[in-house]
PDB file of N, CA and C in Angstrom:
ATOM      1  N   MET A   1       0.854  -1.173   0.000  1.00  0.00           N
ATOM      2  CA  MET A   1       0.000   0.000   0.000  1.00  0.00           C
ATOM      3  C   MET A   1       0.899   1.235   0.000  1.00  0.00           C
ATOM      4  N   SER A   2       0.629   2.155  -0.899  1.00  0.00           N
ATOM      5  CA  SER A   2       1.438   3.378  -0.937  1.00  0.00           C
ATOM      6  C   SER A   2       0.998   4.341   0.158  1.00  0.00           C
ATOM      7  N   ARG A   3       1.905   5.219   0.523  1.00  0.00           N
ATOM      8  CA  ARG A   3       1.608   6.142   1.615  1.00  0.00           C
ATOM      9  C   ARG A   3       0.964   7.421   1.083  1.00  0.00           C
ATOM     10  N   ILE A   4       0.326   8.140   1.976  1.00  0.00           N
ATOM     11  CA  ILE A   4      -0.296   9.420   1.646  1.00  0.00           C
ATOM     12  C   ILE A   4       0.588  10.517   2.215  1.00  0.00           C
ATOM     13  N   ASP A   5       1.077  11.388   1.353  1.00  0.00           N
ATOM     14  CA  ASP A   5       1.870  12.538   1.788  1.00  0.00           C
ATOM     15  C   ASP A   5       1.042  13.814   1.805  1.00  0.00           C
ATOM     16  N   THR A   6       0.109  13.921   0.869  1.00  0.00           N
ATOM     17  CA  THR A   6      -0.686  15.143   0.732  1.00  0.00           C
ATOM     18  C   THR A   6      -2.123  14.779   0.389  1.00  0.00           C
ATOM     19  N   LEU A   7      -3.056  15.501   0.950  1.00  0.00           N
ATOM     20  CA  LEU A   7      -4.465  15.338   0.613  1.00  0.00           C
ATOM     21  C   LEU A   7      -5.002  16.694   0.183  1.00  0.00           C
ATOM     22  N   VAL A   8      -5.557  16.750  -1.008  1.00  0.00           N
ATOM     23  CA  VAL A   8      -6.233  17.957  -1.487  1.00  0.00           C
ATOM     24  C   VAL A   8      -7.716  17.631  -1.512  1.00  0.00           C
ATOM     25  N   ASN A   9      -8.447  18.221  -0.605  1.00  0.00           N
ATOM     26  CA  ASN A   9      -9.873  17.983  -0.478  1.00  0.00           C
ATOM     27  C   ASN A   9     -10.597  19.076  -1.247  1.00  0.00           C
ATOM     28  N   ASP A  10     -10.968  18.787  -2.485  1.00  0.00           N
ATOM     29  CA  ASP A  10     -11.454  19.836  -3.377  1.00  0.00           C
ATOM     30  C   ASP A  10     -12.818  19.518  -3.983  1.00  0.00           C
ATOM     31  N   ALA A  11     -13.622  18.735  -3.303  1.00  0.00           N
ATOM     32  CA  ALA A  11     -14.955  18.429  -3.813  1.00  0.00           C
ATOM     33  C   ALA A  11     -15.953  19.411  -3.220  1.00  0.00           C
ATOM     34  N   GLY A  12     -16.922  19.790  -3.991  1.00  0.00           N
ATOM     35  CA  GLY A  12     -17.971  20.662  -3.496  1.00  0.00           C
ATOM     36  C   GLY A  12     -19.041  20.835  -4.547  1.00  0.00           C
ATOM     37  N   ILE A  13     -20.236  21.108  -4.097  1.00  0.00           N
ATOM     38  CA  ILE A  13     -21.327  21.372  -5.028  1.00  0.00           C
ATOM     39  C   ILE A  13     -22.019  22.666  -4.640  1.00  0.00           C
ATOM     40  N   CYS A  14     -22.735  23.205  -5.591  1.00  0.00           N
ATOM     41  CA  CYS A  14     -23.540  24.402  -5.385  1.00  0.00           C
ATOM     42  C   CYS A  14     -24.835  24.206  -6.162  1.00  0.00           C
ATOM     43  N   ILE A  15     -25.934  24.442  -5.528  1.00  0.00           N
ATOM     44  CA  ILE A  15     -27.234  24.368  -6.196  1.00  0.00           C
ATOM     45  C   ILE A  15     -27.459  25.718  -6.873  1.00  0.00           C
ATOM     46  N   GLY A  16     -27.877  25.706  -8.113  1.00  0.00           N
ATOM     47  CA  GLY A  16     -27.975  26.935  -8.900  1.00  0.00           C
ATOM     48  C   GLY A  16     -29.193  27.793  -8.605  1.00  0.00           C
ATOM     49  N   LYS A  17     -29.381  28.123  -7.352  1.00  0.00           N
ATOM     50  CA  LYS A  17     -30.452  29.040  -6.962  1.00  0.00           C
ATOM     51  C   LYS A  17     -30.090  29.631  -5.607  1.00  0.00           C
ATOM     52  N   PRO A  18     -30.717  30.736  -5.225  1.00  0.00           N
ATOM     53  CA  PRO A  18     -30.409  31.330  -3.920  1.00  0.00           C
ATOM     54  C   PRO A  18     -30.677  30.325  -2.791  1.00  0.00           C
ATOM     55  N   PHE A  19     -29.835  30.352  -1.764  1.00  0.00           N
ATOM     56  CA  PHE A  19     -29.986  29.384  -0.675  1.00  0.00           C
ATOM     57  C   PHE A  19     -31.331  29.522   0.030  1.00  0.00           C
ATOM     58  N   THR A  20     -31.955  30.686  -0.061  1.00  0.00           N
ATOM     59  CA  THR A  20     -33.270  30.868   0.554  1.00  0.00           C
ATOM     60  C   THR A  20     -34.343  30.057  -0.162  1.00  0.00           C
ATOM     61  N   GLN A  21     -34.021  29.537  -1.345  1.00  0.00           N
ATOM     62  CA  GLN A  21     -34.968  28.716  -2.107  1.00  0.00           C
ATOM     63  C   GLN A  21     -34.616  27.226  -2.051  1.00  0.00           C
ATOM     64  N   TYR A  22     -33.607  26.867  -1.274  1.00  0.00           N
ATOM     65  CA  TYR A  22     -33.216  25.459  -1.160  1.00  0.00           C
ATOM     66  C   TYR A  22     -34.333  24.659  -0.494  1.00  0.00           C
ATOM     67  N   THR A  23     -34.528  23.463  -0.996  1.00  0.00           N
ATOM     68  CA  THR A  23     -35.390  22.510  -0.305  1.00  0.00           C
ATOM     69  C   THR A  23     -34.532  21.773   0.721  1.00  0.00           C
ATOM     70  N   ALA A  24     -35.184  20.992   1.556  1.00  0.00           N
ATOM     71  CA  ALA A  24     -34.434  20.184   2.524  1.00  0.00           C
ATOM     72  C   ALA A  24     -33.497  19.223   1.794  1.00  0.00           C
ATOM     73  N   GLU A  25     -33.934  18.709   0.648  1.00  0.00           N
ATOM     74  CA  GLU A  25     -33.104  17.791  -0.136  1.00  0.00           C
ATOM     75  C   GLU A  25     -31.897  18.518  -0.726  1.00  0.00           C
ATOM     76  N   ASN A  26     -32.089  19.759  -1.199  1.00  0.00           N
ATOM     77  CA  ASN A  26     -30.971  20.553  -1.716  1.00  0.00           C
ATOM     78  C   ASN A  26     -29.938  20.777  -0.620  1.00  0.00           C
ATOM     79  N   TYR A  27     -30.409  21.182   0.547  1.00  0.00           N
ATOM     80  CA  TYR A  27     -29.508  21.446   1.667  1.00  0.00           C
ATOM     81  C   TYR A  27     -28.745  20.181   2.064  1.00  0.00           C
ATOM     82  N   ALA A  28     -29.455  19.061   2.147  1.00  0.00           N
ATOM     83  CA  ALA A  28     -28.812  17.797   2.514  1.00  0.00           C
ATOM     84  C   ALA A  28     -27.738  17.418   1.501  1.00  0.00           C
ATOM     85  N   ALA A  29     -28.002  17.609   0.218  1.00  0.00           N
ATOM     86  CA  ALA A  29     -27.019  17.275  -0.817  1.00  0.00           C
ATOM     87  C   ALA A  29     -25.770  18.131  -0.674  1.00  0.00           C
ATOM     88  N   VAL A  30     -25.946  19.426  -0.467  1.00  0.00           N
ATOM     89  CA  VAL A  30     -24.806  20.333  -0.305  1.00  0.00           C
ATOM     90  C   VAL A  30     -23.996  19.952   0.929  1.00  0.00           C
ATOM     91  N   MET A  31     -24.656  19.717   2.033  1.00  0.00           N
ATOM     92  CA  MET A  31     -23.949  19.375   3.267  1.00  0.00           C
ATOM     93  C   MET A  31     -23.256  18.019   3.164  1.00  0.00           C
ATOM     94  N   ASN A  32     -23.885  17.059   2.508  1.00  0.00           N
ATOM     95  CA  ASN A  32     -23.276  15.731   2.383  1.00  0.00           C
ATOM     96  C   ASN A  32     -21.999  15.769   1.569  1.00  0.00           C
ATOM     97  N   VAL A  33     -21.957  16.557   0.513  1.00  0.00           N
ATOM     98  CA  VAL A  33     -20.737  16.640  -0.292  1.00  0.00           C
ATOM     99  C   VAL A  33     -19.733  17.590   0.358  1.00  0.00           C
ATOM    100  N   ASN A  34     -20.174  18.790   0.695  1.00  0.00           N
ATOM    101  CA  ASN A  34     -19.245  19.826   1.142  1.00  0.00           C
ATOM    102  C   ASN A  34     -18.709  19.614   2.556  1.00  0.00           C
ATOM    103  N   MET A  35     -19.489  19.052   3.433  1.00  0.00           N
ATOM    104  CA  MET A  35     -19.047  18.883   4.824  1.00  0.00           C
ATOM    105  C   MET A  35     -18.772  17.420   5.171  1.00  0.00           C
ATOM    106  N   ALA A  36     -19.744  16.563   4.970  1.00  0.00           N
ATOM    107  CA  ALA A  36     -19.559  15.153   5.335  1.00  0.00           C
ATOM    108  C   ALA A  36     -18.484  14.512   4.467  1.00  0.00           C
ATOM    109  N   GLY A  37     -18.446  14.854   3.191  1.00  0.00           N
ATOM    110  CA  GLY A  37     -17.414  14.318   2.308  1.00  0.00           C
ATOM    111  C   GLY A  37     -16.026  14.706   2.782  1.00  0.00           C
ATOM    112  N   PHE A  38     -15.856  15.965   3.135  1.00  0.00           N
ATOM    113  CA  PHE A  38     -14.579  16.452   3.671  1.00  0.00           C
ATOM    114  C   PHE A  38     -14.186  15.657   4.917  1.00  0.00           C
ATOM    115  N   TYR A  39     -15.121  15.492   5.821  1.00  0.00           N
ATOM    116  CA  TYR A  39     -14.861  14.774   7.072  1.00  0.00           C
ATOM    117  C   TYR A  39     -14.420  13.335   6.809  1.00  0.00           C
ATOM    118  N   HIS A  40     -15.183  12.612   6.010  1.00  0.00           N
ATOM    119  CA  HIS A  40     -14.901  11.190   5.792  1.00  0.00           C
ATOM    120  C   HIS A  40     -13.583  10.965   5.060  1.00  0.00           C
ATOM    121  N   VAL A  41     -13.320  11.741   4.015  1.00  0.00           N
ATOM    122  CA  VAL A  41     -12.068  11.577   3.268  1.00  0.00           C
ATOM    123  C   VAL A  41     -10.872  11.937   4.147  1.00  0.00           C
ATOM    124  N   THR A  42     -10.975  13.022   4.886  1.00  0.00           N
ATOM    125  CA  THR A  42      -9.872  13.443   5.751  1.00  0.00           C
ATOM    126  C   THR A  42      -9.628  12.426   6.858  1.00  0.00           C
ATOM    127  N   GLN A  43     -10.674  11.921   7.458  1.00  0.00           N
ATOM    128  CA  GLN A  43     -10.525  10.931   8.525  1.00  0.00           C
ATOM    129  C   GLN A  43      -9.831   9.673   8.005  1.00  0.00           C
ATOM    130  N   LEU A  44     -10.260   9.166   6.859  1.00  0.00           N
ATOM    131  CA  LEU A  44      -9.640   7.960   6.307  1.00  0.00           C
ATOM    132  C   LEU A  44      -8.181   8.201   5.931  1.00  0.00           C
ATOM    133  N   ALA A  45      -7.911   9.344   5.327  1.00  0.00           N
ATOM    134  CA  ALA A  45      -6.528   9.656   4.947  1.00  0.00           C
ATOM    135  C   ALA A  45      -5.649   9.778   6.191  1.00  0.00           C
ATOM    136  N   TRP A  46      -6.153  10.414   7.226  1.00  0.00           N
ATOM    137  CA  TRP A  46      -5.378  10.582   8.459  1.00  0.00           C
ATOM    138  C   TRP A  46      -5.096   9.231   9.116  1.00  0.00           C
ATOM    139  N   LEU A  47      -6.098   8.386   9.190  1.00  0.00           N
ATOM    140  CA  LEU A  47      -5.898   7.069   9.795  1.00  0.00           C
ATOM    141  C   LEU A  47      -4.884   6.255   9.002  1.00  0.00           C
ATOM    142  N   ARG A  48      -4.971   6.325   7.689  1.00  0.00           N
ATOM    143  CA  ARG A  48      -4.001   5.606   6.857  1.00  0.00           C
ATOM    144  C   ARG A  48      -2.605   6.184   7.039  1.00  0.00           C
ATOM    145  N   ARG A  49      -2.512   7.492   7.078  1.00  0.00           N
ATOM    146  CA  ARG A  49      -1.213   8.157   7.245  1.00  0.00           C
ATOM    147  C   ARG A  49      -0.590   7.783   8.581  1.00  0.00           C
ATOM    148  N   MET A  50      -1.388   7.761   9.634  1.00  0.00           N
ATOM    149  CA  MET A  50      -0.869   7.490  10.968  1.00  0.00           C
ATOM    150  C   MET A  50      -0.542   6.016  11.181  1.00  0.00           C
ATOM    151  N   SER A  51      -1.048   5.139  10.335  1.00  0.00           N
ATOM    152  CA  SER A  51      -0.755   3.717  10.504  1.00  0.00           C
ATOM    153  C   SER A  51       0.444   3.270   9.668  1.00  0.00           C
ATOM    154  N   GLY A  52       0.991   4.179   8.879  1.00  0.00           N
ATOM    155  CA  GLY A  52       2.106   3.832   8.001  1.00  0.00           C
ATOM    156  C   GLY A  52       3.461   4.046   8.644  1.00  0.00           C
ATOM    157  N   PRO A  53       4.510   3.794   7.875  1.00  0.00           N
ATOM    158  CA  PRO A  53       5.880   3.997   8.367  1.00  0.00           C
ATOM    159  C   PRO A  53       6.128   5.452   8.769  1.00  0.00           C
ATOM    160  N   GLY A  54       6.810   5.641   9.858  1.00  0.00           N
ATOM    161  CA  GLY A  54       7.171   6.979  10.314  1.00  0.00           C
ATOM    162  C   GLY A  54       6.066   7.701  11.050  1.00  0.00           C
ATOM    163  N   ALA A  55       4.967   6.997  11.353  1.00  0.00           N
ATOM    164  CA  ALA A  55       3.841   7.641  12.036  1.00  0.00           C
ATOM    165  C   ALA A  55       4.171   7.917  13.480  1.00  0.00           C
TER     166      ALA A  55
END
């Protein structure tokens, strides 16, 4: 397994309307990609990084 030296977390979405017009589903989609996605990818990368050589 190769090691992780750098993580660029660059995923995000935007719904093409003012946020005041978002439905609950629109909001959930934005939060799932922009926040939960960041959390999950970063957590997995960190755990992998810390379990490798030199951790």
